[in-house]
Amino acid sequence: MTGQTLYLDDALYHYLQGVSLRETPLLARLRAETQALPEARWQVAPEQGQLLALLIRLIGARRVIEVGTFTGYSALCMAQAMEAGHLLCCDLPGDYNATAQRYWHDAGVAERIELRLGPALQTLATLSAESFDMIFIDADKANYPRYLEEALRLLRPGGLVAFDNTLWSGRVLQVVPDSEDTRAIQALNAALRDDQRVDVSLLPLGDGLTLCRKR
C-alpha cells in the first residue's frame, strides 16, 4: 500500500501506457496529427480518452455533451464507446473542426455526433434540464464555475460531469493567481469540495481530471 499518489516519471508513464492503453490505429493517427498543430497542448492524454470511454460504458450513457472538442479525439473515444445514442459537441469555429469530422467519418461514428459551433454557454442554455447522462468539459477555463451550474441543470440524477485541467500544471497553487483562468479553476475546485449536490473525486490524471456525480 501507499499513502500518497505516485509520481510518474517518463519511464513509469510509458509503462502505464504500455500495459493499459488500447488506442486504436485511427486514434493514434489522430493524436499524431494533432501534435503537429500549434494548439497541440489542448489535446487530452490518450489514457484520459480511454477513461472517458470506460465511464460511458459504466453508466450506460446514451446522451452525452462535450464542451471543447478541438480535433475530436475525446469525442471519438466516447462515441465509439456508445452502442447507440447522441453526442453533442460544443466548440468555436476553427480549422480543426474539419479534422474532427474527418476522423469521426473514418471511424463510422459521425451519425452519433452533432457539432454545434458557437459559445458553449449559449448552446447549453437551449437544452432541456435533466436530459443528459454525462458531460465532459474541456473548454475556456474562466467559465468553469458557470459550466458546473449548467451541467448540474442538464444532468439526470446519477449523471456524471468531468472537468479537465483541474490541476492546471500546478498553477492552482498560486497565492496571487496571474490569470482569470487560474482563479476560475481554483474557485471550482474549492467549491466542489463542499458542494453537497455532487459526489466528487479529483484524479491526478493528465493535467487533473475531476469527476462529479450528481446526487
N, C-alpha and C. Protein backbone atom coordinates (compact mmCIF):
# COMPACT_ATOMS: atom_id res chain seq x y z
N MET A 1 0.84 -1.19 0.00
CA MET A 1 0.00 0.00 0.00
C MET A 1 0.88 1.24 0.00
N THR A 2 0.30 2.34 -0.46
CA THR A 2 0.98 3.63 -0.39
C THR A 2 -0.03 4.69 0.06
N GLY A 3 0.45 5.61 0.87
CA GLY A 3 -0.45 6.62 1.40
C GLY A 3 -0.56 7.86 0.54
N GLN A 4 0.07 7.84 -0.63
CA GLN A 4 0.10 9.03 -1.48
C GLN A 4 0.20 8.61 -2.93
N THR A 5 -0.37 9.42 -3.83
CA THR A 5 -0.30 9.12 -5.26
C THR A 5 1.15 9.13 -5.73
N LEU A 6 1.51 8.13 -6.52
CA LEU A 6 2.87 8.01 -7.02
C LEU A 6 3.18 9.11 -8.03
N TYR A 7 4.43 9.56 -8.02
CA TYR A 7 4.92 10.44 -9.07
C TYR A 7 5.26 9.60 -10.29
N LEU A 8 4.79 10.01 -11.46
CA LEU A 8 5.07 9.28 -12.69
C LEU A 8 6.20 9.96 -13.45
N ASP A 9 7.39 9.35 -13.41
CA ASP A 9 8.45 9.84 -14.29
C ASP A 9 8.21 9.26 -15.68
N ASP A 10 9.05 9.61 -16.63
CA ASP A 10 8.81 9.18 -18.02
C ASP A 10 8.77 7.66 -18.14
N ALA A 11 9.65 6.97 -17.44
CA ALA A 11 9.71 5.51 -17.56
C ALA A 11 8.43 4.87 -17.02
N LEU A 12 7.96 5.36 -15.87
CA LEU A 12 6.75 4.77 -15.28
C LEU A 12 5.52 5.13 -16.10
N TYR A 13 5.51 6.35 -16.66
CA TYR A 13 4.38 6.75 -17.52
C TYR A 13 4.33 5.89 -18.78
N HIS A 14 5.46 5.64 -19.39
CA HIS A 14 5.49 4.78 -20.58
C HIS A 14 5.07 3.35 -20.23
N TYR A 15 5.44 2.89 -19.02
CA TYR A 15 4.99 1.57 -18.58
C TYR A 15 3.47 1.55 -18.44
N LEU A 16 2.92 2.60 -17.81
CA LEU A 16 1.46 2.70 -17.65
C LEU A 16 0.76 2.58 -19.00
N GLN A 17 1.24 3.33 -19.98
CA GLN A 17 0.63 3.27 -21.30
C GLN A 17 0.82 1.89 -21.93
N GLY A 18 1.99 1.32 -21.74
CA GLY A 18 2.28 0.04 -22.38
C GLY A 18 1.42 -1.10 -21.89
N VAL A 19 1.03 -1.07 -20.62
CA VAL A 19 0.26 -2.19 -20.07
C VAL A 19 -1.24 -1.92 -20.02
N SER A 20 -1.68 -0.68 -20.35
CA SER A 20 -3.11 -0.40 -20.20
C SER A 20 -3.76 0.25 -21.41
N LEU A 21 -2.98 0.94 -22.26
CA LEU A 21 -3.59 1.71 -23.33
C LEU A 21 -4.02 0.81 -24.48
N ARG A 22 -5.27 0.97 -24.91
CA ARG A 22 -5.83 0.21 -26.03
C ARG A 22 -6.17 1.14 -27.18
N GLU A 23 -5.31 2.06 -27.48
CA GLU A 23 -5.53 3.05 -28.52
C GLU A 23 -5.55 2.39 -29.90
N THR A 24 -6.60 2.64 -30.67
CA THR A 24 -6.70 2.08 -32.00
C THR A 24 -5.74 2.81 -32.95
N PRO A 25 -5.40 2.20 -34.08
CA PRO A 25 -4.54 2.90 -35.04
C PRO A 25 -5.13 4.23 -35.50
N LEU A 26 -6.46 4.30 -35.64
CA LEU A 26 -7.08 5.56 -36.07
C LEU A 26 -6.91 6.63 -35.00
N LEU A 27 -7.12 6.28 -33.74
CA LEU A 27 -6.93 7.25 -32.66
C LEU A 27 -5.47 7.68 -32.58
N ALA A 28 -4.56 6.75 -32.75
CA ALA A 28 -3.14 7.10 -32.71
C ALA A 28 -2.77 8.05 -33.84
N ARG A 29 -3.37 7.84 -35.01
CA ARG A 29 -3.11 8.73 -36.14
C ARG A 29 -3.67 10.13 -35.88
N LEU A 30 -4.85 10.19 -35.30
CA LEU A 30 -5.42 11.49 -34.97
C LEU A 30 -4.56 12.21 -33.93
N ARG A 31 -4.10 11.50 -32.95
CA ARG A 31 -3.27 12.11 -31.91
C ARG A 31 -1.97 12.64 -32.50
N ALA A 32 -1.37 11.86 -33.41
CA ALA A 32 -0.12 12.31 -34.04
C ALA A 32 -0.36 13.54 -34.91
N GLU A 33 -1.46 13.57 -35.64
CA GLU A 33 -1.76 14.73 -36.47
C GLU A 33 -2.01 15.97 -35.61
N THR A 34 -2.67 15.77 -34.48
CA THR A 34 -2.95 16.89 -33.58
C THR A 34 -1.67 17.44 -32.97
N GLN A 35 -0.72 16.58 -32.67
CA GLN A 35 0.52 17.03 -32.04
C GLN A 35 1.33 17.96 -32.94
N ALA A 36 1.04 17.97 -34.23
CA ALA A 36 1.75 18.86 -35.15
C ALA A 36 1.15 20.26 -35.19
N LEU A 37 0.03 20.47 -34.49
CA LEU A 37 -0.65 21.77 -34.51
C LEU A 37 -0.09 22.70 -33.45
N PRO A 38 -0.17 24.02 -33.67
CA PRO A 38 0.29 24.97 -32.65
C PRO A 38 -0.47 24.83 -31.33
N GLU A 39 -1.73 24.37 -31.40
CA GLU A 39 -2.55 24.24 -30.20
C GLU A 39 -2.52 22.83 -29.63
N ALA A 40 -1.47 22.09 -29.91
CA ALA A 40 -1.40 20.68 -29.52
C ALA A 40 -1.63 20.47 -28.02
N ARG A 41 -1.31 21.49 -27.21
CA ARG A 41 -1.48 21.35 -25.75
C ARG A 41 -2.95 21.17 -25.37
N TRP A 42 -3.88 21.46 -26.28
CA TRP A 42 -5.30 21.29 -25.99
C TRP A 42 -5.72 19.82 -26.02
N GLN A 43 -4.88 18.96 -26.54
CA GLN A 43 -5.21 17.55 -26.72
C GLN A 43 -5.25 16.82 -25.38
N VAL A 44 -6.27 16.01 -25.16
CA VAL A 44 -6.30 15.18 -23.96
C VAL A 44 -5.28 14.06 -24.09
N ALA A 45 -4.81 13.56 -22.97
CA ALA A 45 -3.92 12.41 -22.97
C ALA A 45 -4.71 11.16 -23.39
N PRO A 46 -4.06 10.21 -24.05
CA PRO A 46 -4.80 9.03 -24.52
C PRO A 46 -5.42 8.23 -23.39
N GLU A 47 -4.76 8.18 -22.23
CA GLU A 47 -5.35 7.44 -21.11
C GLU A 47 -6.58 8.15 -20.57
N GLN A 48 -6.67 9.47 -20.75
CA GLN A 48 -7.90 10.17 -20.39
C GLN A 48 -9.04 9.79 -21.33
N GLY A 49 -8.74 9.74 -22.61
CA GLY A 49 -9.76 9.32 -23.57
C GLY A 49 -10.28 7.93 -23.27
N GLN A 50 -9.37 7.04 -22.90
CA GLN A 50 -9.78 5.67 -22.59
C GLN A 50 -10.64 5.63 -21.32
N LEU A 51 -10.30 6.47 -20.33
CA LEU A 51 -11.13 6.53 -19.13
C LEU A 51 -12.52 7.06 -19.44
N LEU A 52 -12.61 8.09 -20.27
CA LEU A 52 -13.93 8.62 -20.64
C LEU A 52 -14.77 7.54 -21.31
N ALA A 53 -14.14 6.75 -22.18
CA ALA A 53 -14.87 5.66 -22.83
C ALA A 53 -15.36 4.64 -21.81
N LEU A 54 -14.53 4.33 -20.83
CA LEU A 54 -14.93 3.39 -19.79
C LEU A 54 -16.09 3.93 -18.97
N LEU A 55 -16.05 5.22 -18.65
CA LEU A 55 -17.14 5.83 -17.90
C LEU A 55 -18.46 5.78 -18.68
N ILE A 56 -18.37 6.02 -19.99
CA ILE A 56 -19.56 5.92 -20.84
C ILE A 56 -20.19 4.54 -20.69
N ARG A 57 -19.35 3.50 -20.74
CA ARG A 57 -19.86 2.13 -20.65
C ARG A 57 -20.36 1.82 -19.25
N LEU A 58 -19.66 2.32 -18.23
CA LEU A 58 -20.05 2.00 -16.85
C LEU A 58 -21.44 2.53 -16.51
N ILE A 59 -21.77 3.73 -16.98
CA ILE A 59 -23.07 4.31 -16.63
C ILE A 59 -24.11 4.13 -17.74
N GLY A 60 -23.71 3.46 -18.83
CA GLY A 60 -24.64 3.23 -19.93
C GLY A 60 -25.10 4.51 -20.58
N ALA A 61 -24.20 5.48 -20.73
CA ALA A 61 -24.58 6.81 -21.23
C ALA A 61 -25.06 6.73 -22.67
N ARG A 62 -26.19 7.36 -22.93
CA ARG A 62 -26.76 7.44 -24.27
C ARG A 62 -26.85 8.88 -24.77
N ARG A 63 -26.90 9.83 -23.85
CA ARG A 63 -26.96 11.26 -24.21
C ARG A 63 -25.83 11.98 -23.50
N VAL A 64 -24.89 12.48 -24.30
CA VAL A 64 -23.62 13.00 -23.76
C VAL A 64 -23.33 14.36 -24.39
N ILE A 65 -22.73 15.24 -23.61
CA ILE A 65 -22.28 16.55 -24.10
C ILE A 65 -20.77 16.65 -23.91
N GLU A 66 -20.10 17.21 -24.88
CA GLU A 66 -18.70 17.59 -24.73
C GLU A 66 -18.58 19.08 -24.98
N VAL A 67 -17.98 19.80 -24.05
CA VAL A 67 -17.74 21.23 -24.19
C VAL A 67 -16.24 21.42 -24.42
N GLY A 68 -15.89 21.74 -25.66
CA GLY A 68 -14.49 21.85 -26.05
C GLY A 68 -14.04 20.58 -26.74
N THR A 69 -14.05 20.58 -28.06
CA THR A 69 -13.84 19.34 -28.83
C THR A 69 -12.51 19.30 -29.56
N PHE A 70 -12.01 20.45 -30.04
CA PHE A 70 -10.74 20.54 -30.74
C PHE A 70 -10.74 19.59 -31.93
N THR A 71 -9.75 18.72 -32.07
CA THR A 71 -9.68 17.83 -33.23
C THR A 71 -10.48 16.55 -33.06
N GLY A 72 -11.21 16.43 -31.96
CA GLY A 72 -12.18 15.34 -31.85
C GLY A 72 -11.70 14.05 -31.24
N TYR A 73 -10.53 14.04 -30.60
CA TYR A 73 -10.00 12.79 -30.04
C TYR A 73 -10.90 12.25 -28.92
N SER A 74 -11.18 13.06 -27.91
CA SER A 74 -12.00 12.58 -26.81
C SER A 74 -13.42 12.27 -27.27
N ALA A 75 -13.94 13.05 -28.20
CA ALA A 75 -15.27 12.77 -28.74
C ALA A 75 -15.29 11.42 -29.44
N LEU A 76 -14.24 11.12 -30.17
CA LEU A 76 -14.17 9.83 -30.86
C LEU A 76 -14.11 8.69 -29.86
N CYS A 77 -13.33 8.86 -28.79
CA CYS A 77 -13.28 7.83 -27.75
C CYS A 77 -14.66 7.58 -27.17
N MET A 78 -15.38 8.64 -26.87
CA MET A 78 -16.70 8.49 -26.25
C MET A 78 -17.73 7.93 -27.22
N ALA A 79 -17.72 8.43 -28.46
CA ALA A 79 -18.70 7.96 -29.45
C ALA A 79 -18.52 6.48 -29.75
N GLN A 80 -17.28 6.02 -29.80
CA GLN A 80 -17.04 4.60 -30.06
C GLN A 80 -17.50 3.73 -28.89
N ALA A 81 -17.55 4.32 -27.70
CA ALA A 81 -17.99 3.55 -26.53
C ALA A 81 -19.50 3.48 -26.41
N MET A 82 -20.20 4.31 -27.16
CA MET A 82 -21.67 4.33 -27.11
C MET A 82 -22.22 3.37 -28.17
N GLU A 83 -22.93 2.35 -27.73
CA GLU A 83 -23.53 1.43 -28.69
C GLU A 83 -24.62 2.13 -29.49
N ALA A 84 -25.27 3.07 -28.86
CA ALA A 84 -26.27 3.90 -29.52
C ALA A 84 -26.36 5.18 -28.71
N GLY A 85 -26.88 6.21 -29.31
CA GLY A 85 -27.03 7.44 -28.57
C GLY A 85 -26.60 8.65 -29.36
N HIS A 86 -26.41 9.75 -28.64
CA HIS A 86 -26.14 11.04 -29.27
C HIS A 86 -25.10 11.78 -28.45
N LEU A 87 -24.05 12.25 -29.12
CA LEU A 87 -23.01 13.05 -28.50
C LEU A 87 -23.06 14.44 -29.10
N LEU A 88 -23.34 15.43 -28.26
CA LEU A 88 -23.39 16.83 -28.68
C LEU A 88 -22.06 17.48 -28.35
N CYS A 89 -21.33 17.95 -29.37
CA CYS A 89 -20.04 18.60 -29.18
C CYS A 89 -20.19 20.10 -29.38
N CYS A 90 -19.72 20.86 -28.41
CA CYS A 90 -19.80 22.32 -28.46
C CYS A 90 -18.39 22.88 -28.61
N ASP A 91 -18.18 23.70 -29.63
CA ASP A 91 -16.87 24.31 -29.83
C ASP A 91 -17.04 25.58 -30.65
N LEU A 92 -15.95 26.31 -30.77
CA LEU A 92 -15.92 27.51 -31.60
C LEU A 92 -15.41 27.15 -32.99
N PRO A 93 -15.72 27.94 -34.00
CA PRO A 93 -15.24 27.65 -35.35
C PRO A 93 -13.72 27.69 -35.42
N GLY A 94 -13.15 26.73 -36.15
CA GLY A 94 -11.71 26.66 -36.34
C GLY A 94 -11.36 25.64 -37.39
N ASP A 95 -10.15 25.71 -37.91
CA ASP A 95 -9.73 24.75 -38.93
C ASP A 95 -9.78 23.32 -38.41
N TYR A 96 -9.62 23.15 -37.10
CA TYR A 96 -9.60 21.81 -36.51
C TYR A 96 -10.96 21.13 -36.55
N ASN A 97 -12.05 21.90 -36.75
CA ASN A 97 -13.39 21.27 -36.85
C ASN A 97 -13.42 20.23 -37.96
N ALA A 98 -12.82 20.56 -39.10
CA ALA A 98 -12.83 19.63 -40.24
C ALA A 98 -12.03 18.38 -39.93
N THR A 99 -10.94 18.53 -39.18
CA THR A 99 -10.16 17.35 -38.78
C THR A 99 -11.00 16.41 -37.94
N ALA A 100 -11.70 16.96 -36.96
CA ALA A 100 -12.56 16.14 -36.12
C ALA A 100 -13.60 15.39 -36.94
N GLN A 101 -14.28 16.09 -37.82
CA GLN A 101 -15.33 15.46 -38.60
C GLN A 101 -14.79 14.41 -39.56
N ARG A 102 -13.61 14.63 -40.08
CA ARG A 102 -12.99 13.64 -40.97
C ARG A 102 -12.72 12.34 -40.23
N TYR A 103 -12.18 12.43 -39.03
CA TYR A 103 -11.88 11.22 -38.27
C TYR A 103 -13.16 10.54 -37.76
N TRP A 104 -14.16 11.32 -37.40
CA TRP A 104 -15.42 10.70 -36.99
C TRP A 104 -16.03 9.91 -38.15
N HIS A 105 -15.94 10.48 -39.33
CA HIS A 105 -16.45 9.78 -40.51
C HIS A 105 -15.65 8.51 -40.76
N ASP A 106 -14.33 8.60 -40.69
CA ASP A 106 -13.49 7.43 -40.94
C ASP A 106 -13.75 6.32 -39.93
N ALA A 107 -14.11 6.69 -38.70
CA ALA A 107 -14.38 5.70 -37.66
C ALA A 107 -15.79 5.14 -37.73
N GLY A 108 -16.64 5.73 -38.58
CA GLY A 108 -18.01 5.25 -38.73
C GLY A 108 -18.94 5.67 -37.61
N VAL A 109 -18.61 6.77 -36.91
CA VAL A 109 -19.46 7.21 -35.80
C VAL A 109 -20.02 8.61 -36.04
N ALA A 110 -19.84 9.16 -37.22
CA ALA A 110 -20.26 10.54 -37.49
C ALA A 110 -21.75 10.73 -37.24
N GLU A 111 -22.56 9.70 -37.46
CA GLU A 111 -24.00 9.87 -37.28
C GLU A 111 -24.39 9.99 -35.81
N ARG A 112 -23.48 9.63 -34.90
CA ARG A 112 -23.77 9.74 -33.47
C ARG A 112 -23.38 11.11 -32.91
N ILE A 113 -22.66 11.91 -33.68
CA ILE A 113 -22.08 13.14 -33.16
C ILE A 113 -22.68 14.35 -33.86
N GLU A 114 -23.10 15.32 -33.06
CA GLU A 114 -23.57 16.60 -33.57
C GLU A 114 -22.61 17.68 -33.09
N LEU A 115 -22.04 18.43 -34.02
CA LEU A 115 -21.11 19.51 -33.69
C LEU A 115 -21.83 20.85 -33.82
N ARG A 116 -21.96 21.57 -32.72
CA ARG A 116 -22.57 22.90 -32.74
C ARG A 116 -21.48 23.94 -32.47
N LEU A 117 -21.34 24.87 -33.39
CA LEU A 117 -20.31 25.89 -33.31
C LEU A 117 -20.88 27.18 -32.77
N GLY A 118 -20.21 27.73 -31.77
CA GLY A 118 -20.66 28.97 -31.14
C GLY A 118 -20.33 28.92 -29.66
N PRO A 119 -20.58 29.99 -28.92
CA PRO A 119 -20.33 30.00 -27.48
C PRO A 119 -21.09 28.87 -26.78
N ALA A 120 -20.37 28.06 -26.05
CA ALA A 120 -20.99 26.86 -25.47
C ALA A 120 -22.09 27.19 -24.48
N LEU A 121 -21.92 28.25 -23.71
CA LEU A 121 -22.96 28.59 -22.73
C LEU A 121 -24.28 28.91 -23.41
N GLN A 122 -24.21 29.51 -24.59
CA GLN A 122 -25.44 29.78 -25.34
C GLN A 122 -26.08 28.49 -25.82
N THR A 123 -25.26 27.56 -26.29
CA THR A 123 -25.78 26.27 -26.73
C THR A 123 -26.41 25.51 -25.57
N LEU A 124 -25.71 25.46 -24.43
CA LEU A 124 -26.23 24.72 -23.27
C LEU A 124 -27.54 25.30 -22.78
N ALA A 125 -27.70 26.61 -22.87
CA ALA A 125 -28.92 27.26 -22.39
C ALA A 125 -30.16 26.83 -23.17
N THR A 126 -29.97 26.28 -24.38
CA THR A 126 -31.11 25.87 -25.20
C THR A 126 -31.56 24.44 -24.90
N LEU A 127 -30.83 23.72 -24.04
CA LEU A 127 -31.08 22.30 -23.83
C LEU A 127 -31.99 22.07 -22.62
N SER A 128 -32.69 20.95 -22.65
CA SER A 128 -33.66 20.62 -21.61
C SER A 128 -32.98 20.09 -20.35
N ALA A 129 -33.54 20.44 -19.20
CA ALA A 129 -32.98 20.03 -17.92
C ALA A 129 -33.10 18.52 -17.72
N GLU A 130 -32.12 17.97 -17.02
CA GLU A 130 -32.09 16.57 -16.58
C GLU A 130 -32.31 15.60 -17.74
N SER A 131 -31.70 15.90 -18.88
CA SER A 131 -31.90 15.05 -20.05
C SER A 131 -30.60 14.42 -20.56
N PHE A 132 -29.51 14.56 -19.80
CA PHE A 132 -28.22 14.02 -20.25
C PHE A 132 -27.61 13.13 -19.18
N ASP A 133 -26.81 12.16 -19.65
CA ASP A 133 -26.18 11.18 -18.77
C ASP A 133 -24.77 11.59 -18.35
N MET A 134 -24.05 12.28 -19.23
CA MET A 134 -22.65 12.59 -18.95
C MET A 134 -22.25 13.84 -19.72
N ILE A 135 -21.39 14.66 -19.10
CA ILE A 135 -20.89 15.88 -19.72
C ILE A 135 -19.39 15.97 -19.46
N PHE A 136 -18.61 16.18 -20.51
CA PHE A 136 -17.16 16.36 -20.39
C PHE A 136 -16.84 17.80 -20.75
N ILE A 137 -16.16 18.50 -19.84
CA ILE A 137 -15.89 19.92 -20.02
C ILE A 137 -14.39 20.15 -20.11
N ASP A 138 -13.95 20.66 -21.26
CA ASP A 138 -12.54 20.91 -21.51
C ASP A 138 -12.44 22.12 -22.44
N ALA A 139 -12.91 23.26 -21.93
CA ALA A 139 -13.01 24.45 -22.77
C ALA A 139 -12.44 25.65 -22.01
N ASP A 140 -12.97 26.83 -22.26
CA ASP A 140 -12.47 28.06 -21.64
C ASP A 140 -12.59 27.96 -20.12
N LYS A 141 -11.46 28.01 -19.47
CA LYS A 141 -11.41 27.74 -18.02
C LYS A 141 -12.12 28.82 -17.21
N ALA A 142 -12.11 30.06 -17.70
CA ALA A 142 -12.73 31.15 -16.95
C ALA A 142 -14.21 30.89 -16.70
N ASN A 143 -14.84 30.09 -17.55
CA ASN A 143 -16.27 29.79 -17.40
C ASN A 143 -16.54 28.48 -16.67
N TYR A 144 -15.53 27.84 -16.11
CA TYR A 144 -15.75 26.55 -15.45
C TYR A 144 -16.83 26.62 -14.37
N PRO A 145 -16.85 27.63 -13.49
CA PRO A 145 -17.95 27.66 -12.50
C PRO A 145 -19.32 27.76 -13.13
N ARG A 146 -19.44 28.48 -14.23
CA ARG A 146 -20.73 28.58 -14.92
C ARG A 146 -21.07 27.25 -15.61
N TYR A 147 -20.06 26.58 -16.16
CA TYR A 147 -20.31 25.28 -16.77
C TYR A 147 -20.81 24.28 -15.73
N LEU A 148 -20.29 24.37 -14.51
CA LEU A 148 -20.76 23.47 -13.46
C LEU A 148 -22.26 23.64 -13.24
N GLU A 149 -22.72 24.87 -13.14
CA GLU A 149 -24.14 25.10 -12.90
C GLU A 149 -24.99 24.59 -14.06
N GLU A 150 -24.53 24.82 -15.28
CA GLU A 150 -25.28 24.31 -16.43
C GLU A 150 -25.28 22.78 -16.45
N ALA A 151 -24.13 22.19 -16.11
CA ALA A 151 -24.04 20.73 -16.10
C ALA A 151 -25.02 20.13 -15.08
N LEU A 152 -25.08 20.72 -13.90
CA LEU A 152 -25.98 20.19 -12.88
C LEU A 152 -27.44 20.38 -13.27
N ARG A 153 -27.73 21.40 -14.03
CA ARG A 153 -29.10 21.58 -14.54
C ARG A 153 -29.43 20.53 -15.59
N LEU A 154 -28.47 20.19 -16.43
CA LEU A 154 -28.73 19.32 -17.58
C LEU A 154 -28.64 17.83 -17.25
N LEU A 155 -27.86 17.48 -16.24
CA LEU A 155 -27.66 16.06 -15.94
C LEU A 155 -28.86 15.46 -15.22
N ARG A 156 -29.15 14.23 -15.52
CA ARG A 156 -30.12 13.47 -14.74
C ARG A 156 -29.50 13.14 -13.39
N PRO A 157 -30.30 12.85 -12.37
CA PRO A 157 -29.73 12.35 -11.12
C PRO A 157 -28.90 11.08 -11.38
N GLY A 158 -27.71 11.05 -10.82
CA GLY A 158 -26.79 9.94 -11.09
C GLY A 158 -25.91 10.17 -12.29
N GLY A 159 -26.14 11.27 -13.02
CA GLY A 159 -25.30 11.59 -14.17
C GLY A 159 -23.93 12.10 -13.74
N LEU A 160 -23.02 12.15 -14.70
CA LEU A 160 -21.62 12.43 -14.41
C LEU A 160 -21.13 13.61 -15.21
N VAL A 161 -20.40 14.53 -14.53
CA VAL A 161 -19.71 15.61 -15.23
C VAL A 161 -18.22 15.48 -14.92
N ALA A 162 -17.39 15.64 -15.96
CA ALA A 162 -15.94 15.56 -15.83
C ALA A 162 -15.33 16.88 -16.29
N PHE A 163 -14.45 17.44 -15.46
CA PHE A 163 -13.73 18.66 -15.79
C PHE A 163 -12.26 18.33 -16.02
N ASP A 164 -11.72 18.77 -17.16
CA ASP A 164 -10.30 18.56 -17.43
C ASP A 164 -9.48 19.75 -16.94
N ASN A 165 -8.19 19.53 -16.75
CA ASN A 165 -7.21 20.58 -16.41
C ASN A 165 -7.42 21.18 -15.02
N THR A 166 -7.92 20.40 -14.08
CA THR A 166 -8.22 20.98 -12.77
C THR A 166 -7.00 21.05 -11.84
N LEU A 167 -5.85 20.57 -12.28
CA LEU A 167 -4.60 20.85 -11.57
C LEU A 167 -3.80 21.94 -12.28
N TRP A 168 -4.13 22.20 -13.54
CA TRP A 168 -3.66 23.38 -14.27
C TRP A 168 -2.14 23.55 -14.22
N SER A 169 -1.44 22.42 -14.45
CA SER A 169 0.03 22.42 -14.45
C SER A 169 0.63 23.01 -13.19
N GLY A 170 -0.07 22.86 -12.08
CA GLY A 170 0.41 23.37 -10.80
C GLY A 170 0.07 24.81 -10.51
N ARG A 171 -0.50 25.51 -11.49
CA ARG A 171 -0.80 26.93 -11.27
C ARG A 171 -1.92 27.15 -10.25
N VAL A 172 -2.65 26.09 -9.91
CA VAL A 172 -3.67 26.21 -8.87
C VAL A 172 -3.05 26.52 -7.51
N LEU A 173 -1.75 26.36 -7.36
CA LEU A 173 -1.07 26.66 -6.10
C LEU A 173 -0.72 28.13 -5.95
N GLN A 174 -0.92 28.92 -6.97
CA GLN A 174 -0.56 30.33 -6.90
C GLN A 174 -1.41 31.05 -5.85
N VAL A 175 -0.74 31.76 -4.96
CA VAL A 175 -1.44 32.52 -3.92
C VAL A 175 -2.12 33.75 -4.52
N VAL A 176 -1.43 34.39 -5.43
CA VAL A 176 -2.00 35.52 -6.17
C VAL A 176 -2.05 35.10 -7.63
N PRO A 177 -3.15 34.50 -8.07
CA PRO A 177 -3.22 33.96 -9.43
C PRO A 177 -2.98 35.02 -10.49
N ASP A 178 -2.26 34.60 -11.53
CA ASP A 178 -1.88 35.55 -12.57
C ASP A 178 -2.86 35.61 -13.73
N SER A 179 -3.96 34.85 -13.67
CA SER A 179 -4.91 34.88 -14.78
C SER A 179 -6.31 34.55 -14.29
N GLU A 180 -7.29 34.98 -15.07
CA GLU A 180 -8.69 34.67 -14.77
C GLU A 180 -8.94 33.17 -14.84
N ASP A 181 -8.27 32.49 -15.77
CA ASP A 181 -8.43 31.04 -15.89
C ASP A 181 -8.02 30.34 -14.60
N THR A 182 -6.87 30.72 -14.06
CA THR A 182 -6.39 30.10 -12.83
C THR A 182 -7.35 30.37 -11.68
N ARG A 183 -7.81 31.60 -11.56
CA ARG A 183 -8.75 31.93 -10.49
C ARG A 183 -10.04 31.13 -10.60
N ALA A 184 -10.50 30.92 -11.82
CA ALA A 184 -11.74 30.16 -12.02
C ALA A 184 -11.57 28.70 -11.64
N ILE A 185 -10.45 28.11 -12.00
CA ILE A 185 -10.21 26.70 -11.64
C ILE A 185 -10.07 26.56 -10.13
N GLN A 186 -9.36 27.49 -9.51
CA GLN A 186 -9.26 27.47 -8.05
C GLN A 186 -10.64 27.57 -7.41
N ALA A 187 -11.48 28.44 -7.93
CA ALA A 187 -12.82 28.62 -7.38
C ALA A 187 -13.65 27.35 -7.56
N LEU A 188 -13.55 26.74 -8.73
CA LEU A 188 -14.28 25.49 -8.98
C LEU A 188 -13.84 24.41 -8.01
N ASN A 189 -12.53 24.21 -7.89
CA ASN A 189 -12.01 23.15 -7.03
C ASN A 189 -12.45 23.35 -5.58
N ALA A 190 -12.34 24.58 -5.10
CA ALA A 190 -12.72 24.86 -3.72
C ALA A 190 -14.22 24.66 -3.51
N ALA A 191 -15.03 25.07 -4.48
CA ALA A 191 -16.47 24.93 -4.35
C ALA A 191 -16.91 23.47 -4.37
N LEU A 192 -16.30 22.68 -5.25
CA LEU A 192 -16.71 21.28 -5.39
C LEU A 192 -16.42 20.47 -4.13
N ARG A 193 -15.38 20.83 -3.42
CA ARG A 193 -15.04 20.08 -2.20
C ARG A 193 -16.22 20.01 -1.24
N ASP A 194 -16.98 21.10 -1.14
CA ASP A 194 -18.07 21.19 -0.17
C ASP A 194 -19.46 21.18 -0.81
N ASP A 195 -19.55 20.95 -2.10
CA ASP A 195 -20.83 21.02 -2.81
C ASP A 195 -21.62 19.72 -2.58
N GLN A 196 -22.68 19.81 -1.79
CA GLN A 196 -23.45 18.62 -1.43
C GLN A 196 -24.37 18.15 -2.55
N ARG A 197 -24.35 18.83 -3.69
CA ARG A 197 -25.15 18.37 -4.83
C ARG A 197 -24.46 17.24 -5.58
N VAL A 198 -23.17 17.02 -5.29
CA VAL A 198 -22.39 16.06 -6.06
C VAL A 198 -21.53 15.20 -5.14
N ASP A 199 -21.17 14.01 -5.65
CA ASP A 199 -20.05 13.23 -5.13
C ASP A 199 -18.86 13.57 -6.03
N VAL A 200 -17.67 13.74 -5.47
CA VAL A 200 -16.57 14.29 -6.25
C VAL A 200 -15.26 13.58 -5.98
N SER A 201 -14.43 13.49 -7.03
CA SER A 201 -13.06 13.00 -6.90
C SER A 201 -12.19 13.69 -7.94
N LEU A 202 -11.11 14.29 -7.49
CA LEU A 202 -10.13 14.91 -8.38
C LEU A 202 -8.99 13.92 -8.59
N LEU A 203 -8.85 13.45 -9.82
CA LEU A 203 -7.84 12.45 -10.15
C LEU A 203 -6.59 13.12 -10.71
N PRO A 204 -5.39 12.72 -10.26
CA PRO A 204 -4.15 13.27 -10.83
C PRO A 204 -3.81 12.59 -12.15
N LEU A 205 -4.72 12.71 -13.09
CA LEU A 205 -4.59 12.09 -14.40
C LEU A 205 -4.46 13.19 -15.44
N GLY A 206 -3.47 13.11 -16.32
CA GLY A 206 -3.23 14.18 -17.27
C GLY A 206 -2.89 15.45 -16.50
N ASP A 207 -3.65 16.50 -16.74
CA ASP A 207 -3.46 17.78 -16.06
C ASP A 207 -4.48 17.96 -14.93
N GLY A 208 -4.99 16.83 -14.44
CA GLY A 208 -6.04 16.86 -13.42
C GLY A 208 -7.39 16.65 -14.03
N LEU A 209 -8.11 15.64 -13.58
CA LEU A 209 -9.45 15.33 -14.10
C LEU A 209 -10.38 15.15 -12.91
N THR A 210 -11.38 16.04 -12.80
CA THR A 210 -12.33 15.98 -11.70
C THR A 210 -13.62 15.34 -12.16
N LEU A 211 -14.05 14.32 -11.44
CA LEU A 211 -15.30 13.61 -11.73
C LEU A 211 -16.32 13.96 -10.66
N CYS A 212 -17.53 14.31 -11.11
CA CYS A 212 -18.62 14.67 -10.19
C CYS A 212 -19.86 13.90 -10.58
N ARG A 213 -20.43 13.20 -9.62
CA ARG A 213 -21.70 12.50 -9.82
C ARG A 213 -22.81 13.32 -9.20
N LYS A 214 -23.82 13.65 -10.01
CA LYS A 214 -24.96 14.43 -9.50
C LYS A 214 -25.81 13.55 -8.58
N ARG A 215 -26.05 14.04 -7.41
CA ARG A 215 -26.85 13.29 -6.45
C ARG A 215 -28.35 13.39 -6.77
